[in-house]
């Protein structure tokens, strides 16, 4: 009976995590990002589940911050995997920084959902999308300005 009550309490958390990670993942995948729906939805879901386990299932005398800090360390490894450097004709470019930062932010969102901070998670997800949109707009304008300058 207690397990059923815990399940009813935590299913909305897991659904919200999958939804937020999935929405941001769809946007990244549709834009040709390195990571997409499956990666980001499962990442957010996993972080939420681990946070729920650390906060509720381990016991009352356990310190949930220890597992949360392990989540953050692990996410650093995943984030590092999506960053790569390209060298072409003496030019060096770094790609995947936005994707890596989104991985980090979605881990934080998953943790906040697992701890029950739904509003904070939703606002953060909206701010991530807004930030990516503004960044894309700035890049596009910068490229247009460079193209205009090259005509002269």
Protein backbone atom coordinates (compact mmCIF):
# COMPACT_ATOMS: atom_id res chain seq x y z
CA UNK A 1 0.00 0.00 0.00
CA UNK A 2 2.82 2.41 0.87
CA UNK A 3 4.56 1.65 -2.42
CA UNK A 4 1.35 2.41 -4.33
CA UNK A 5 1.05 5.77 -2.57
CA UNK A 6 4.68 6.58 -3.39
CA UNK A 7 4.07 5.60 -7.01
CA UNK A 8 1.02 7.88 -7.22
CA UNK A 9 3.07 10.72 -5.74
CA UNK A 10 5.99 10.32 -8.11
CA UNK A 11 4.38 9.42 -11.45
CA UNK A 12 3.57 13.10 -12.17
CA UNK A 13 7.21 13.97 -11.50
CA UNK A 14 8.42 11.36 -13.96
CA UNK A 15 5.88 12.40 -16.59
CA UNK A 16 6.83 16.07 -16.26
CA UNK A 17 10.53 15.19 -16.56
CA UNK A 18 9.94 13.14 -19.72
CA UNK A 19 7.77 15.92 -21.16
CA UNK A 20 10.23 18.75 -20.53
CA UNK A 21 13.23 16.73 -21.72
CA UNK A 22 11.27 15.57 -24.75
CA UNK A 23 10.13 19.04 -25.78
CA UNK A 24 13.63 20.47 -25.56
CA UNK A 25 14.98 17.35 -27.28
CA UNK A 26 12.54 17.75 -30.17
CA UNK A 27 13.68 21.33 -30.65
CA UNK A 28 17.35 20.31 -30.62
CA UNK A 29 16.77 17.38 -32.97
CA UNK A 30 14.72 19.43 -35.44
CA UNK A 31 17.47 22.04 -35.56
CA UNK A 32 20.10 19.44 -36.38
CA UNK A 33 21.57 19.36 -32.90
CA UNK A 34 23.92 16.64 -31.75
CA UNK A 35 21.37 15.27 -29.29
CA UNK A 36 17.62 15.01 -29.56
CA UNK A 37 14.36 13.73 -28.13
CA UNK A 38 15.41 10.30 -26.92
CA UNK A 39 18.64 11.40 -25.29
CA UNK A 40 17.28 14.46 -23.52
CA UNK A 41 13.98 12.96 -22.37
CA UNK A 42 15.67 9.90 -20.88
CA UNK A 43 18.42 12.02 -19.35
CA UNK A 44 15.89 14.26 -17.57
CA UNK A 45 13.84 11.24 -16.55
CA UNK A 46 16.88 9.45 -15.12
CA UNK A 47 17.96 12.48 -13.10
CA UNK A 48 14.44 12.82 -11.71
CA UNK A 49 14.28 9.15 -10.76
CA UNK A 50 17.66 9.19 -9.05
CA UNK A 51 16.67 12.28 -7.10
CA UNK A 52 13.39 10.67 -6.01
CA UNK A 53 15.30 7.57 -4.91
CA UNK A 54 17.84 9.65 -3.01
CA UNK A 55 15.19 11.74 -1.28
CA UNK A 56 12.63 9.05 -0.45
CA UNK A 57 13.80 5.47 -0.89
CA UNK A 58 17.19 5.45 0.79
CA UNK A 59 15.94 6.39 4.25
CA UNK A 60 15.44 9.33 6.50
CA UNK A 61 19.00 9.56 7.80
CA UNK A 62 20.57 9.52 4.31
CA UNK A 63 21.91 12.67 2.68
CA UNK A 64 20.24 13.13 -0.73
CA UNK A 65 22.80 15.75 -1.72
CA UNK A 66 25.44 13.03 -2.09
CA UNK A 67 23.56 11.27 -4.88
CA UNK A 68 22.65 14.61 -6.45
CA UNK A 69 26.33 15.61 -6.57
CA UNK A 70 27.08 12.28 -8.26
CA UNK A 71 24.40 13.03 -10.86
CA UNK A 72 26.06 16.37 -11.63
CA UNK A 73 29.49 14.72 -11.99
CA UNK A 74 28.09 12.08 -14.34
CA UNK A 75 26.34 14.71 -16.42
CA UNK A 76 29.68 16.47 -16.87
CA UNK A 77 30.95 13.31 -18.54
CA UNK A 78 27.95 13.16 -20.88
CA UNK A 79 28.17 16.88 -21.63
CA UNK A 80 31.84 16.51 -22.49
CA UNK A 81 30.90 13.82 -24.99
CA UNK A 82 28.80 16.18 -27.08
CA UNK A 83 31.52 18.83 -27.40
CA UNK A 84 34.00 18.37 -30.21
CA UNK A 85 36.63 20.41 -32.00
CA UNK A 86 37.02 20.71 -35.77
CA UNK A 87 40.09 21.88 -37.62
CA UNK A 88 39.78 22.99 -41.23
CA UNK A 89 42.45 24.92 -43.15
CA UNK A 90 44.14 26.32 -40.05
CA UNK A 91 40.76 27.25 -38.54
CA UNK A 92 39.61 25.71 -35.33
CA UNK A 93 35.97 25.57 -34.27
CA UNK A 94 34.27 24.12 -31.23
CA UNK A 95 30.81 22.62 -31.63
CA UNK A 96 28.29 21.26 -29.17
CA UNK A 97 28.67 23.80 -26.36
CA UNK A 98 24.98 24.70 -26.43
CA UNK A 99 24.01 21.03 -26.39
CA UNK A 100 26.36 20.37 -23.48
CA UNK A 101 24.93 23.26 -21.50
CA UNK A 102 21.41 22.03 -22.22
CA UNK A 103 22.41 18.58 -20.91
CA UNK A 104 23.59 20.23 -17.69
CA UNK A 105 20.44 22.35 -17.36
CA UNK A 106 18.15 19.38 -18.00
CA UNK A 107 19.95 17.45 -15.28
CA UNK A 108 19.24 20.34 -12.92
CA UNK A 109 15.60 20.39 -14.08
CA UNK A 110 15.34 16.65 -13.42
CA UNK A 111 16.75 17.13 -9.94
CA UNK A 112 14.36 19.98 -9.19
CA UNK A 113 11.38 17.92 -10.38
CA UNK A 114 12.53 14.99 -8.25
CA UNK A 115 12.60 17.28 -5.22
CA UNK A 116 9.13 18.62 -6.05
CA UNK A 117 10.04 22.05 -7.43
CA UNK A 118 7.78 21.85 -10.48
CA UNK A 119 7.39 25.58 -11.04
CA UNK A 120 11.13 26.14 -10.99
CA UNK A 121 11.60 23.33 -13.50
CA UNK A 122 8.97 24.68 -15.89
CA UNK A 123 10.27 28.27 -15.71
CA UNK A 124 13.83 27.03 -16.28
CA UNK A 125 12.74 25.01 -19.33
CA UNK A 126 11.00 28.07 -20.77
CA UNK A 127 14.10 30.18 -20.15
CA UNK A 128 16.29 27.56 -21.86
CA UNK A 129 14.10 27.64 -24.96
CA UNK A 130 14.03 31.45 -24.91
CA UNK A 131 17.80 31.58 -24.55
CA UNK A 132 18.35 29.19 -27.47
CA UNK A 133 15.90 31.17 -29.63
CA UNK A 134 17.61 34.48 -28.86
CA UNK A 135 21.06 32.95 -29.46
CA UNK A 136 19.93 31.62 -32.83
CA UNK A 137 18.52 35.05 -33.74
CA UNK A 138 21.78 36.78 -32.76
CA UNK A 139 23.85 34.30 -34.79
CA UNK A 140 21.61 34.80 -37.81
CA UNK A 141 21.88 38.59 -37.57
CA UNK A 142 25.65 38.40 -37.13
CA UNK A 143 25.94 36.18 -40.21
CA UNK A 144 23.75 38.57 -42.22
CA UNK A 145 25.97 41.49 -41.17
CA UNK A 146 29.11 39.57 -42.17
CA UNK A 147 27.57 38.75 -45.55
CA UNK A 148 26.65 42.42 -46.07
CA UNK A 149 30.19 43.53 -45.22
CA UNK A 150 31.75 41.01 -47.61
CA UNK A 151 29.86 42.56 -50.54
CA UNK A 152 31.91 45.78 -50.32
